[in-house]
């Protein structure tokens, strides 16, 4: 395919930060699709379907925006590139702890790809080459983001390669996978994962990092 890249964010402020840094905006569509994995999946799927129906399909999809970073894994203001997007709260509780949906005994067809979608290696490699200082690792998708030290510790132990958490990446990844398109996730760290402390958030710095990183998108 020869179309452009679709970059989806949760909210307009994230889209604006990326648009401010694009060097070739005609080759990249940036669109906010809503907060959370369901809105992200539905909104992305709609944009992909409309582009295909118009005869100008996209060639790749990127989920982008701000995120929480695991302390000691991703610093405030850092750019994160996701090697995998993981639906970290998709599964079941048990007396022995959380059970990922992959381990619930369902067939591959019922799982629909499971709880993890791996970033396209070529697309990820291109982003990494353009952003050599980026932190790479798994990015967790959660419908309820972490707000306590105990939850952060459990997630960090369960996902030792995770560097960040957000609310949309897995939903975008599912839409891209069902459309047969390469997918990657790019985020800027605005806050540490753990106790909810608004005073520790650095949202402006994260938006500035997104603007600087947009050069990798077009």
N, C-alpha and C. Protein backbone atom coordinates (compact mmCIF):
# COMPACT_ATOMS: atom_id res chain seq x y z
N UNK A 1 0.84 -1.19 0.00
CA UNK A 1 0.00 0.00 0.00
C UNK A 1 0.88 1.25 0.00
N UNK A 2 0.37 2.32 -0.58
CA UNK A 2 1.14 3.54 -0.69
C UNK A 2 0.49 4.70 0.05
N UNK A 3 -0.56 4.44 0.83
CA UNK A 3 -1.25 5.49 1.55
C UNK A 3 -0.42 6.03 2.69
N UNK A 4 -1.01 6.98 3.42
CA UNK A 4 -0.31 7.59 4.53
C UNK A 4 -0.46 6.80 5.81
N UNK A 5 0.02 7.40 6.89
CA UNK A 5 -0.05 6.79 8.22
C UNK A 5 -1.22 7.41 8.97
N UNK A 6 -1.99 6.58 9.64
CA UNK A 6 -3.04 7.06 10.53
C UNK A 6 -2.50 7.05 11.96
N UNK A 7 -2.48 8.21 12.59
CA UNK A 7 -2.06 8.34 13.99
C UNK A 7 -3.28 8.70 14.80
N UNK A 8 -3.64 7.86 15.75
CA UNK A 8 -4.82 8.13 16.57
C UNK A 8 -4.41 8.45 18.00
N UNK A 9 -5.08 9.44 18.56
CA UNK A 9 -4.88 9.83 19.95
C UNK A 9 -6.21 9.70 20.68
N UNK A 10 -6.15 9.85 21.99
CA UNK A 10 -7.39 9.83 22.77
C UNK A 10 -8.10 11.16 22.69
N UNK A 11 -7.36 12.25 22.93
CA UNK A 11 -7.99 13.57 23.06
C UNK A 11 -7.37 14.57 22.09
N UNK A 12 -8.09 15.67 21.78
CA UNK A 12 -7.58 16.66 20.84
C UNK A 12 -6.25 17.28 21.24
N UNK A 13 -6.01 17.48 22.54
CA UNK A 13 -4.75 18.10 22.96
C UNK A 13 -3.54 17.27 22.53
N UNK A 14 -3.67 15.95 22.58
CA UNK A 14 -2.58 15.09 22.12
C UNK A 14 -2.39 15.22 20.61
N UNK A 15 -3.51 15.26 19.88
CA UNK A 15 -3.43 15.42 18.43
C UNK A 15 -2.79 16.75 18.07
N UNK A 16 -3.16 17.82 18.79
CA UNK A 16 -2.59 19.14 18.50
C UNK A 16 -1.07 19.14 18.74
N UNK A 17 -0.63 18.48 19.80
CA UNK A 17 0.80 18.43 20.09
C UNK A 17 1.56 17.74 18.96
N UNK A 18 1.00 16.67 18.43
CA UNK A 18 1.65 15.97 17.32
C UNK A 18 1.62 16.78 16.04
N UNK A 19 0.49 17.38 15.75
CA UNK A 19 0.36 18.18 14.52
C UNK A 19 1.35 19.33 14.50
N UNK A 20 1.65 19.87 15.67
CA UNK A 20 2.59 20.99 15.75
C UNK A 20 4.01 20.60 15.34
N UNK A 21 4.31 19.31 15.39
CA UNK A 21 5.67 18.88 15.08
C UNK A 21 5.84 18.14 13.78
N UNK A 22 4.74 17.86 13.06
CA UNK A 22 4.84 17.12 11.81
C UNK A 22 5.59 17.94 10.76
N UNK A 23 6.49 17.28 10.03
CA UNK A 23 7.22 17.96 8.97
C UNK A 23 6.58 17.77 7.61
N UNK A 24 5.84 16.69 7.44
CA UNK A 24 5.11 16.44 6.18
C UNK A 24 3.68 16.05 6.54
N UNK A 25 2.88 17.02 7.00
CA UNK A 25 1.53 16.70 7.49
C UNK A 25 0.62 16.09 6.44
N UNK A 26 0.88 16.32 5.17
CA UNK A 26 0.01 15.76 4.15
C UNK A 26 0.09 14.24 4.10
N UNK A 27 1.19 13.67 4.60
CA UNK A 27 1.37 12.22 4.55
C UNK A 27 0.88 11.52 5.80
N UNK A 28 0.41 12.29 6.78
CA UNK A 28 0.02 11.72 8.07
C UNK A 28 -1.31 12.30 8.51
N UNK A 29 -2.24 11.43 8.86
CA UNK A 29 -3.51 11.86 9.43
C UNK A 29 -3.46 11.66 10.93
N UNK A 30 -3.75 12.70 11.69
CA UNK A 30 -3.78 12.63 13.15
C UNK A 30 -5.21 12.90 13.60
N UNK A 31 -5.79 11.97 14.34
CA UNK A 31 -7.19 12.11 14.72
C UNK A 31 -7.43 11.62 16.14
N UNK A 32 -8.11 12.42 16.99
CA UNK A 32 -8.52 11.93 18.31
C UNK A 32 -9.77 11.05 18.16
N UNK A 33 -9.78 9.91 18.84
CA UNK A 33 -10.89 8.96 18.69
C UNK A 33 -11.59 8.64 20.01
N UNK A 34 -11.14 9.22 21.13
CA UNK A 34 -11.81 8.98 22.39
C UNK A 34 -10.94 8.24 23.39
N UNK A 35 -11.39 8.28 24.63
CA UNK A 35 -10.63 7.71 25.74
C UNK A 35 -11.07 6.27 26.00
N UNK A 36 -10.10 5.39 26.23
CA UNK A 36 -10.37 4.01 26.57
C UNK A 36 -10.27 3.08 25.38
N UNK A 37 -10.08 1.79 25.65
CA UNK A 37 -9.86 0.84 24.55
C UNK A 37 -11.05 0.65 23.63
N UNK A 38 -12.28 0.72 24.15
CA UNK A 38 -13.44 0.52 23.30
C UNK A 38 -13.59 1.68 22.31
N UNK A 39 -13.52 2.91 22.80
CA UNK A 39 -13.62 4.07 21.91
C UNK A 39 -12.48 4.08 20.91
N UNK A 40 -11.29 3.71 21.37
CA UNK A 40 -10.13 3.70 20.49
C UNK A 40 -10.28 2.68 19.37
N UNK A 41 -10.75 1.48 19.71
CA UNK A 41 -10.94 0.45 18.69
C UNK A 41 -12.02 0.84 17.70
N UNK A 42 -13.16 1.32 18.21
CA UNK A 42 -14.27 1.68 17.32
C UNK A 42 -13.91 2.85 16.42
N UNK A 43 -13.29 3.88 17.01
CA UNK A 43 -12.94 5.06 16.24
C UNK A 43 -11.89 4.76 15.18
N UNK A 44 -10.90 3.96 15.55
CA UNK A 44 -9.86 3.60 14.58
C UNK A 44 -10.44 2.76 13.45
N UNK A 45 -11.26 1.78 13.79
CA UNK A 45 -11.86 0.92 12.77
C UNK A 45 -12.70 1.75 11.80
N UNK A 46 -13.42 2.73 12.31
CA UNK A 46 -14.25 3.57 11.44
C UNK A 46 -13.38 4.36 10.47
N UNK A 47 -12.30 4.97 10.96
CA UNK A 47 -11.42 5.75 10.10
C UNK A 47 -10.76 4.87 9.04
N UNK A 48 -10.36 3.67 9.42
CA UNK A 48 -9.75 2.75 8.46
C UNK A 48 -10.75 2.34 7.39
N UNK A 49 -12.00 2.07 7.80
CA UNK A 49 -13.01 1.64 6.84
C UNK A 49 -13.37 2.77 5.88
N UNK A 50 -13.47 3.99 6.39
CA UNK A 50 -13.79 5.13 5.53
C UNK A 50 -12.69 5.37 4.51
N UNK A 51 -11.43 5.26 4.94
CA UNK A 51 -10.32 5.47 4.02
C UNK A 51 -10.29 4.40 2.94
N UNK A 52 -10.55 3.15 3.33
CA UNK A 52 -10.56 2.07 2.36
C UNK A 52 -11.71 2.25 1.36
N UNK A 53 -12.87 2.64 1.85
CA UNK A 53 -14.03 2.85 0.97
C UNK A 53 -13.79 3.99 -0.01
N UNK A 54 -12.99 4.97 0.40
CA UNK A 54 -12.68 6.11 -0.46
C UNK A 54 -11.57 5.81 -1.46
N UNK A 55 -11.00 4.61 -1.37
CA UNK A 55 -9.94 4.23 -2.29
C UNK A 55 -8.57 4.75 -1.91
N UNK A 56 -8.41 5.20 -0.66
CA UNK A 56 -7.11 5.71 -0.20
C UNK A 56 -6.78 5.11 1.16
N UNK A 57 -6.60 3.79 1.21
CA UNK A 57 -6.35 3.13 2.50
C UNK A 57 -5.03 3.57 3.12
N UNK A 58 -4.98 3.52 4.43
CA UNK A 58 -3.74 3.82 5.14
C UNK A 58 -2.78 2.65 5.02
N UNK A 59 -1.50 2.92 5.21
CA UNK A 59 -0.50 1.86 5.14
C UNK A 59 -0.02 1.41 6.51
N UNK A 60 -0.35 2.18 7.56
CA UNK A 60 0.07 1.82 8.91
C UNK A 60 -0.74 2.62 9.91
N UNK A 61 -0.78 2.13 11.15
CA UNK A 61 -1.53 2.78 12.22
C UNK A 61 -0.63 2.93 13.44
N UNK A 62 -0.67 4.12 14.04
CA UNK A 62 0.11 4.38 15.26
C UNK A 62 -0.82 4.92 16.33
N UNK A 63 -0.78 4.33 17.52
CA UNK A 63 -1.46 4.87 18.68
C UNK A 63 -0.48 5.78 19.40
N UNK A 64 -0.89 7.03 19.65
CA UNK A 64 0.04 8.00 20.24
C UNK A 64 -0.66 8.83 21.29
N UNK A 65 0.13 9.35 22.23
CA UNK A 65 -0.42 10.20 23.27
C UNK A 65 0.47 10.19 24.49
N UNK A 66 -0.06 10.68 25.60
CA UNK A 66 0.71 10.68 26.83
C UNK A 66 0.40 9.41 27.62
N UNK A 67 1.21 9.16 28.64
CA UNK A 67 1.08 7.90 29.39
C UNK A 67 1.69 8.04 30.76
N UNK A 68 1.47 7.03 31.58
CA UNK A 68 2.19 6.89 32.84
C UNK A 68 3.38 5.98 32.64
N UNK A 69 4.49 6.31 33.27
CA UNK A 69 5.69 5.50 33.15
C UNK A 69 6.02 4.79 34.44
N UNK A 70 6.44 3.53 34.34
CA UNK A 70 6.88 2.82 35.54
C UNK A 70 8.17 3.46 36.06
N UNK A 71 8.20 3.87 37.34
CA UNK A 71 9.42 4.45 37.89
C UNK A 71 10.63 3.53 37.68
N UNK A 72 11.73 4.11 37.34
CA UNK A 72 12.99 3.40 37.08
C UNK A 72 12.98 2.67 35.74
N UNK A 73 11.88 2.75 34.99
CA UNK A 73 11.84 2.14 33.66
C UNK A 73 11.64 3.19 32.57
N UNK A 74 10.88 4.24 32.85
CA UNK A 74 10.64 5.30 31.87
C UNK A 74 10.50 6.62 32.62
N UNK A 75 11.38 7.55 32.34
CA UNK A 75 11.43 8.81 33.06
C UNK A 75 10.34 9.76 32.60
N UNK A 76 10.00 10.72 33.45
CA UNK A 76 9.06 11.76 33.07
C UNK A 76 9.59 12.51 31.85
N UNK A 77 8.72 12.72 30.87
CA UNK A 77 9.12 13.41 29.65
C UNK A 77 9.75 12.53 28.60
N UNK A 78 9.98 11.26 28.93
CA UNK A 78 10.60 10.35 27.97
C UNK A 78 9.60 9.94 26.90
N UNK A 79 10.12 9.66 25.71
CA UNK A 79 9.32 9.06 24.66
C UNK A 79 9.42 7.54 24.79
N UNK A 80 8.29 6.89 24.71
CA UNK A 80 8.21 5.43 24.82
C UNK A 80 7.72 4.86 23.50
N UNK A 81 8.38 3.82 23.03
CA UNK A 81 7.93 3.06 21.87
C UNK A 81 7.56 1.66 22.34
N UNK A 82 6.32 1.26 22.09
CA UNK A 82 5.84 -0.02 22.58
C UNK A 82 6.27 -1.19 21.71
N UNK A 83 6.93 -2.14 22.31
CA UNK A 83 7.23 -3.38 21.60
C UNK A 83 6.01 -4.29 21.53
N UNK A 84 5.15 -4.17 22.54
CA UNK A 84 3.90 -4.92 22.59
C UNK A 84 2.85 -4.03 23.24
N UNK A 85 1.59 -4.19 22.82
CA UNK A 85 0.48 -3.54 23.50
C UNK A 85 -0.33 -4.63 24.19
N UNK A 86 -0.47 -4.50 25.50
CA UNK A 86 -1.04 -5.58 26.31
C UNK A 86 -2.31 -5.10 27.01
N UNK A 87 -3.40 -5.83 26.83
CA UNK A 87 -4.63 -5.57 27.58
C UNK A 87 -4.45 -6.13 28.98
N UNK A 88 -3.92 -5.31 29.87
CA UNK A 88 -3.45 -5.81 31.16
C UNK A 88 -4.56 -6.15 32.13
N UNK A 89 -5.79 -5.67 31.89
CA UNK A 89 -6.89 -6.02 32.79
C UNK A 89 -7.97 -6.82 32.10
N UNK A 90 -7.62 -7.47 30.97
CA UNK A 90 -8.55 -8.33 30.25
C UNK A 90 -8.34 -9.77 30.70
N UNK A 91 -9.27 -10.27 31.51
CA UNK A 91 -9.10 -11.61 32.05
C UNK A 91 -10.06 -11.85 33.20
N UNK A 92 -9.59 -12.53 34.22
CA UNK A 92 -10.45 -12.87 35.36
C UNK A 92 -9.66 -12.82 36.66
N UNK A 93 -10.35 -12.50 37.73
CA UNK A 93 -9.74 -12.57 39.06
C UNK A 93 -9.84 -14.00 39.57
N UNK A 94 -8.93 -14.36 40.46
CA UNK A 94 -8.98 -15.66 41.13
C UNK A 94 -8.34 -15.52 42.50
N UNK A 95 -8.54 -16.49 43.39
CA UNK A 95 -7.90 -16.42 44.71
C UNK A 95 -6.38 -16.37 44.61
N UNK A 96 -5.84 -16.87 43.49
CA UNK A 96 -4.38 -16.89 43.32
C UNK A 96 -3.88 -15.71 42.52
N UNK A 97 -4.77 -14.77 42.19
CA UNK A 97 -4.34 -13.59 41.44
C UNK A 97 -5.02 -13.49 40.10
N UNK A 98 -4.56 -12.54 39.30
CA UNK A 98 -5.17 -12.25 38.00
C UNK A 98 -4.85 -13.34 36.99
N UNK A 99 -5.85 -13.72 36.18
CA UNK A 99 -5.66 -14.70 35.11
C UNK A 99 -5.86 -13.99 33.78
N UNK A 100 -4.84 -13.88 32.93
CA UNK A 100 -5.02 -13.25 31.62
C UNK A 100 -6.03 -14.02 30.78
N UNK A 101 -6.70 -13.32 29.88
CA UNK A 101 -7.71 -13.96 29.05
C UNK A 101 -7.14 -15.12 28.24
N UNK A 102 -5.86 -15.04 27.91
CA UNK A 102 -5.21 -16.11 27.15
C UNK A 102 -5.22 -17.44 27.89
N UNK A 103 -5.31 -17.40 29.21
CA UNK A 103 -5.22 -18.61 30.03
C UNK A 103 -6.57 -19.10 30.52
N UNK A 104 -7.65 -18.62 29.92
CA UNK A 104 -8.99 -18.99 30.38
C UNK A 104 -9.58 -20.16 29.61
N UNK A 105 -8.80 -20.80 28.73
CA UNK A 105 -9.26 -22.01 28.06
C UNK A 105 -10.09 -21.77 26.83
N UNK A 106 -10.10 -20.57 26.30
CA UNK A 106 -10.86 -20.29 25.08
C UNK A 106 -10.05 -20.63 23.84
N UNK A 107 -10.77 -20.81 22.73
CA UNK A 107 -10.11 -21.12 21.47
C UNK A 107 -9.45 -19.87 20.91
N UNK A 108 -8.49 -20.01 19.98
CA UNK A 108 -7.87 -18.84 19.35
C UNK A 108 -8.90 -17.92 18.70
N UNK A 109 -9.96 -18.52 18.10
CA UNK A 109 -10.99 -17.71 17.45
C UNK A 109 -11.73 -16.86 18.49
N UNK A 110 -12.02 -17.45 19.65
CA UNK A 110 -12.72 -16.71 20.70
C UNK A 110 -11.83 -15.61 21.29
N UNK A 111 -10.55 -15.87 21.34
CA UNK A 111 -9.63 -14.90 21.92
C UNK A 111 -9.44 -13.69 21.02
N UNK A 112 -9.58 -13.88 19.70
CA UNK A 112 -9.44 -12.75 18.78
C UNK A 112 -8.07 -12.12 18.81
N UNK A 113 -7.05 -12.92 18.99
CA UNK A 113 -5.69 -12.38 19.03
C UNK A 113 -5.08 -12.37 20.42
N UNK A 114 -5.90 -12.64 21.45
CA UNK A 114 -5.37 -12.70 22.80
C UNK A 114 -5.18 -11.32 23.40
N UNK A 115 -4.51 -11.28 24.53
CA UNK A 115 -4.37 -10.04 25.28
C UNK A 115 -3.15 -9.23 24.87
N UNK A 116 -2.35 -9.74 23.94
CA UNK A 116 -1.11 -9.05 23.55
C UNK A 116 -1.03 -8.96 22.03
N UNK A 117 -0.72 -7.77 21.55
CA UNK A 117 -0.45 -7.57 20.13
C UNK A 117 0.94 -6.95 20.00
N UNK A 118 1.77 -7.62 19.22
CA UNK A 118 3.16 -7.18 19.04
C UNK A 118 3.25 -6.11 17.97
N UNK A 119 4.04 -5.09 18.23
CA UNK A 119 4.23 -4.03 17.25
C UNK A 119 4.89 -4.58 16.00
N UNK A 120 4.53 -4.01 14.86
CA UNK A 120 5.15 -4.42 13.61
C UNK A 120 6.65 -4.12 13.66
N UNK A 121 7.51 -5.10 13.42
CA UNK A 121 8.94 -4.89 13.60
C UNK A 121 9.54 -3.85 12.65
N UNK A 122 9.03 -3.79 11.42
CA UNK A 122 9.57 -2.81 10.47
C UNK A 122 9.17 -1.40 10.89
N UNK A 123 7.89 -1.21 11.20
CA UNK A 123 7.43 0.11 11.63
C UNK A 123 8.12 0.53 12.92
N UNK A 124 8.23 -0.39 13.88
CA UNK A 124 8.91 -0.09 15.13
C UNK A 124 10.37 0.26 14.88
N UNK A 125 11.00 -0.44 13.96
CA UNK A 125 12.40 -0.16 13.64
C UNK A 125 12.56 1.23 13.05
N UNK A 126 11.63 1.63 12.20
CA UNK A 126 11.69 2.97 11.60
C UNK A 126 11.52 4.05 12.66
N UNK A 127 10.60 3.85 13.57
CA UNK A 127 10.40 4.82 14.64
C UNK A 127 11.61 4.87 15.57
N UNK A 128 12.17 3.71 15.87
CA UNK A 128 13.33 3.66 16.75
C UNK A 128 14.53 4.36 16.12
N UNK A 129 14.70 4.19 14.81
CA UNK A 129 15.81 4.85 14.12
C UNK A 129 15.66 6.36 14.15
N UNK A 130 14.41 6.84 14.04
CA UNK A 130 14.17 8.28 14.06
C UNK A 130 14.21 8.85 15.48
N UNK A 131 13.99 7.99 16.48
CA UNK A 131 13.95 8.41 17.88
C UNK A 131 14.90 7.55 18.70
N UNK A 132 16.21 7.69 18.48
CA UNK A 132 17.17 6.76 19.10
C UNK A 132 17.22 6.84 20.62
N UNK A 133 16.74 7.92 21.21
CA UNK A 133 16.76 8.05 22.67
C UNK A 133 15.48 7.53 23.33
N UNK A 134 14.56 7.02 22.53
CA UNK A 134 13.30 6.55 23.09
C UNK A 134 13.50 5.31 23.96
N UNK A 135 12.65 5.18 24.97
CA UNK A 135 12.61 3.98 25.79
C UNK A 135 11.69 2.97 25.12
N UNK A 136 12.14 1.74 25.00
CA UNK A 136 11.32 0.71 24.35
C UNK A 136 10.93 -0.35 25.37
N UNK A 137 9.74 -0.90 25.18
CA UNK A 137 9.23 -1.94 26.06
C UNK A 137 7.74 -2.08 25.87
N UNK A 138 7.14 -3.00 26.58
CA UNK A 138 5.70 -3.20 26.47
C UNK A 138 4.95 -2.02 27.07
N UNK A 139 3.82 -1.69 26.46
CA UNK A 139 2.92 -0.65 27.00
C UNK A 139 1.61 -1.33 27.37
N UNK A 140 1.20 -1.17 28.62
CA UNK A 140 -0.03 -1.78 29.10
C UNK A 140 -1.23 -0.90 28.78
N UNK A 141 -2.33 -1.52 28.38
CA UNK A 141 -3.60 -0.82 28.19
C UNK A 141 -4.52 -1.21 29.34
N UNK A 142 -5.05 -0.20 30.03
CA UNK A 142 -5.93 -0.43 31.18
C UNK A 142 -7.16 0.45 31.05
N UNK A 143 -8.33 -0.11 31.34
CA UNK A 143 -9.54 0.71 31.39
C UNK A 143 -9.56 1.56 32.66
N UNK A 144 -8.92 1.08 33.71
CA UNK A 144 -8.76 1.83 34.95
C UNK A 144 -7.28 1.95 35.23
N UNK A 145 -6.73 3.14 35.09
CA UNK A 145 -5.29 3.28 35.26
C UNK A 145 -4.91 3.17 36.73
N UNK A 146 -3.66 2.88 36.96
CA UNK A 146 -3.14 2.59 38.29
C UNK A 146 -3.15 3.84 39.18
N UNK A 147 -3.54 3.65 40.45
CA UNK A 147 -3.59 4.77 41.36
C UNK A 147 -3.02 4.49 42.73
N UNK A 148 -2.46 3.28 42.94
CA UNK A 148 -1.87 2.94 44.23
C UNK A 148 -0.53 2.26 44.03
N UNK A 149 0.29 2.32 45.04
CA UNK A 149 1.60 1.66 44.98
C UNK A 149 1.43 0.15 44.85
N UNK A 150 0.43 -0.41 45.52
CA UNK A 150 0.22 -1.86 45.48
C UNK A 150 -0.14 -2.32 44.06
N UNK A 151 -1.02 -1.60 43.40
CA UNK A 151 -1.39 -1.96 42.03
C UNK A 151 -0.20 -1.83 41.10
N UNK A 152 0.58 -0.78 41.27
CA UNK A 152 1.74 -0.58 40.43
C UNK A 152 2.75 -1.72 40.61
N UNK A 153 2.94 -2.15 41.84
CA UNK A 153 3.88 -3.23 42.10
C UNK A 153 3.40 -4.54 41.48
N UNK A 154 2.10 -4.80 41.56
CA UNK A 154 1.56 -6.03 40.98
C UNK A 154 1.73 -6.03 39.46
N UNK A 155 1.43 -4.90 38.83
CA UNK A 155 1.58 -4.81 37.37
C UNK A 155 3.03 -4.95 36.95
N UNK A 156 3.92 -4.28 37.68
CA UNK A 156 5.34 -4.34 37.34
C UNK A 156 5.87 -5.76 37.46
N UNK A 157 5.41 -6.50 38.48
CA UNK A 157 5.86 -7.88 38.66
C UNK A 157 5.28 -8.80 37.59
N UNK A 158 4.03 -8.55 37.21
CA UNK A 158 3.38 -9.39 36.21
C UNK A 158 3.89 -9.12 34.80
N UNK A 159 4.38 -7.90 34.57
CA UNK A 159 4.86 -7.51 33.24
C UNK A 159 6.25 -6.90 33.36
N UNK A 160 7.27 -7.73 33.54
CA UNK A 160 8.62 -7.19 33.78
C UNK A 160 9.20 -6.40 32.62
N UNK A 161 8.64 -6.55 31.40
CA UNK A 161 9.15 -5.77 30.27
C UNK A 161 8.32 -4.52 30.01
N UNK A 162 7.30 -4.26 30.84
CA UNK A 162 6.45 -3.10 30.63
C UNK A 162 7.15 -1.84 31.10
N UNK A 163 7.02 -0.77 30.31
CA UNK A 163 7.63 0.51 30.68
C UNK A 163 6.59 1.58 30.94
N UNK A 164 5.36 1.37 30.48
CA UNK A 164 4.35 2.42 30.59
C UNK A 164 2.95 1.82 30.57
N UNK A 165 1.96 2.66 30.93
CA UNK A 165 0.56 2.28 30.82
C UNK A 165 -0.23 3.44 30.24
N UNK A 166 -1.26 3.10 29.48
CA UNK A 166 -2.18 4.08 28.92
C UNK A 166 -3.54 3.40 28.78
N UNK A 167 -4.46 4.00 28.02
CA UNK A 167 -5.82 3.49 28.00
C UNK A 167 -6.32 3.09 26.61
N UNK A 168 -5.49 3.27 25.56
CA UNK A 168 -6.02 3.07 24.21
C UNK A 168 -5.23 2.12 23.32
N UNK A 169 -3.96 1.89 23.58
CA UNK A 169 -3.10 1.20 22.62
C UNK A 169 -3.62 -0.14 22.13
N UNK A 170 -4.07 -0.98 23.06
CA UNK A 170 -4.55 -2.30 22.65
C UNK A 170 -5.77 -2.20 21.75
N UNK A 171 -6.67 -1.27 22.05
CA UNK A 171 -7.85 -1.10 21.20
C UNK A 171 -7.48 -0.70 19.79
N UNK A 172 -6.54 0.22 19.66
CA UNK A 172 -6.06 0.63 18.34
C UNK A 172 -5.38 -0.54 17.65
N UNK A 173 -4.61 -1.29 18.40
CA UNK A 173 -3.89 -2.43 17.83
C UNK A 173 -4.85 -3.48 17.28
N UNK A 174 -5.96 -3.73 17.97
CA UNK A 174 -6.95 -4.69 17.50
C UNK A 174 -7.55 -4.22 16.17
N UNK A 175 -7.90 -2.95 16.09
CA UNK A 175 -8.45 -2.42 14.84
C UNK A 175 -7.46 -2.54 13.70
N UNK A 176 -6.20 -2.23 13.96
CA UNK A 176 -5.17 -2.34 12.92
C UNK A 176 -4.98 -3.78 12.50
N UNK A 177 -4.96 -4.70 13.47
CA UNK A 177 -4.74 -6.11 13.15
C UNK A 177 -5.89 -6.65 12.31
N UNK A 178 -7.12 -6.27 12.63
CA UNK A 178 -8.26 -6.77 11.87
C UNK A 178 -8.29 -6.19 10.46
N UNK A 179 -7.63 -5.04 10.27
CA UNK A 179 -7.53 -4.45 8.94
C UNK A 179 -6.28 -4.92 8.20
N UNK A 180 -5.46 -5.75 8.87
CA UNK A 180 -4.24 -6.27 8.25
C UNK A 180 -3.16 -5.23 8.07
N UNK A 181 -3.10 -4.24 9.00
CA UNK A 181 -2.15 -3.15 8.86
C UNK A 181 -1.08 -3.19 9.96
N UNK A 182 0.13 -2.73 9.64
CA UNK A 182 1.17 -2.62 10.67
C UNK A 182 0.75 -1.64 11.76
N UNK A 183 1.16 -1.93 12.99
CA UNK A 183 0.78 -1.12 14.15
C UNK A 183 1.99 -0.85 15.02
N UNK A 184 1.99 0.34 15.63
CA UNK A 184 2.99 0.65 16.65
C UNK A 184 2.36 1.63 17.64
N UNK A 185 3.00 1.76 18.80
CA UNK A 185 2.51 2.67 19.83
C UNK A 185 3.63 3.60 20.26
N UNK A 186 3.33 4.91 20.27
CA UNK A 186 4.32 5.94 20.63
C UNK A 186 3.70 6.82 21.71
N UNK A 187 4.40 6.98 22.81
CA UNK A 187 3.84 7.76 23.90
C UNK A 187 4.92 8.60 24.59
N UNK A 188 4.46 9.64 25.28
CA UNK A 188 5.34 10.48 26.09
C UNK A 188 4.88 10.38 27.55
N UNK A 189 5.83 10.20 28.45
CA UNK A 189 5.51 9.96 29.86
C UNK A 189 5.17 11.27 30.56
N UNK A 190 3.96 11.34 31.10
CA UNK A 190 3.51 12.55 31.79
C UNK A 190 3.48 12.40 33.30
N UNK A 191 3.51 11.16 33.79
CA UNK A 191 3.39 10.95 35.23
C UNK A 191 3.95 9.59 35.61
N UNK A 192 4.39 9.44 36.85
CA UNK A 192 4.84 8.12 37.31
C UNK A 192 3.64 7.24 37.63
N UNK A 193 3.75 5.96 37.34
CA UNK A 193 2.71 5.00 37.71
C UNK A 193 2.79 4.72 39.20
N UNK A 194 1.65 4.76 39.85
CA UNK A 194 1.62 4.52 41.29
C UNK A 194 0.57 5.40 41.93
N UNK A 195 0.79 5.85 43.16
CA UNK A 195 -0.20 6.69 43.85
C UNK A 195 -0.58 7.90 43.01
N UNK A 196 -1.86 8.18 42.94
CA UNK A 196 -2.37 9.28 42.11
C UNK A 196 -2.01 10.61 42.74
N UNK A 197 -0.99 11.28 42.19
CA UNK A 197 -0.47 12.53 42.74
C UNK A 197 -0.42 13.56 41.61
N UNK A 198 -1.44 14.40 41.51
CA UNK A 198 -1.50 15.38 40.42
C UNK A 198 -0.29 16.31 40.44
N UNK A 199 0.26 16.55 41.62
CA UNK A 199 1.41 17.44 41.71
C UNK A 199 2.65 16.89 41.04
N UNK A 200 2.68 15.58 40.82
CA UNK A 200 3.85 14.97 40.18
C UNK A 200 3.69 14.86 38.66
N UNK A 201 2.55 15.25 38.14
CA UNK A 201 2.32 15.13 36.70
C UNK A 201 3.06 16.24 35.96
N UNK A 202 3.55 15.91 34.78
CA UNK A 202 4.27 16.85 33.92
C UNK A 202 3.65 16.78 32.51
N UNK A 203 2.40 17.17 32.42
CA UNK A 203 1.66 17.02 31.16
C UNK A 203 2.22 17.95 30.08
N UNK A 204 2.56 19.19 30.45
CA UNK A 204 3.11 20.11 29.45
C UNK A 204 4.40 19.56 28.87
N UNK A 205 5.27 19.02 29.71
CA UNK A 205 6.52 18.44 29.23
C UNK A 205 6.26 17.26 28.32
N UNK A 206 5.22 16.47 28.63
CA UNK A 206 4.89 15.32 27.79
C UNK A 206 4.37 15.78 26.43
N UNK A 207 3.54 16.83 26.42
CA UNK A 207 3.06 17.36 25.14
C UNK A 207 4.23 17.89 24.30
N UNK A 208 5.17 18.59 24.95
CA UNK A 208 6.34 19.07 24.23
C UNK A 208 7.16 17.92 23.65
N UNK A 209 7.25 16.83 24.42
CA UNK A 209 7.99 15.65 23.91
C UNK A 209 7.28 15.04 22.72
N UNK A 210 5.95 15.02 22.75
CA UNK A 210 5.19 14.51 21.61
C UNK A 210 5.45 15.36 20.36
N UNK A 211 5.46 16.66 20.54
CA UNK A 211 5.72 17.56 19.42
C UNK A 211 7.09 17.29 18.82
N UNK A 212 8.09 17.12 19.67
CA UNK A 212 9.44 16.85 19.19
C UNK A 212 9.53 15.49 18.51
N UNK A 213 8.75 14.52 18.99
CA UNK A 213 8.81 13.17 18.44
C UNK A 213 8.03 13.02 17.13
N UNK A 214 7.18 14.00 16.83
CA UNK A 214 6.32 13.90 15.64
C UNK A 214 7.13 13.82 14.35
N UNK A 215 8.39 14.25 14.40
CA UNK A 215 9.24 14.15 13.21
C UNK A 215 9.34 12.71 12.71
N UNK A 216 9.20 11.76 13.63
CA UNK A 216 9.28 10.35 13.25
C UNK A 216 8.05 9.85 12.50
N UNK A 217 6.97 10.66 12.55
CA UNK A 217 5.70 10.24 11.96
C UNK A 217 5.44 10.88 10.60
N UNK A 218 6.21 11.87 10.25
CA UNK A 218 6.00 12.50 8.96
C UNK A 218 6.20 13.99 9.00
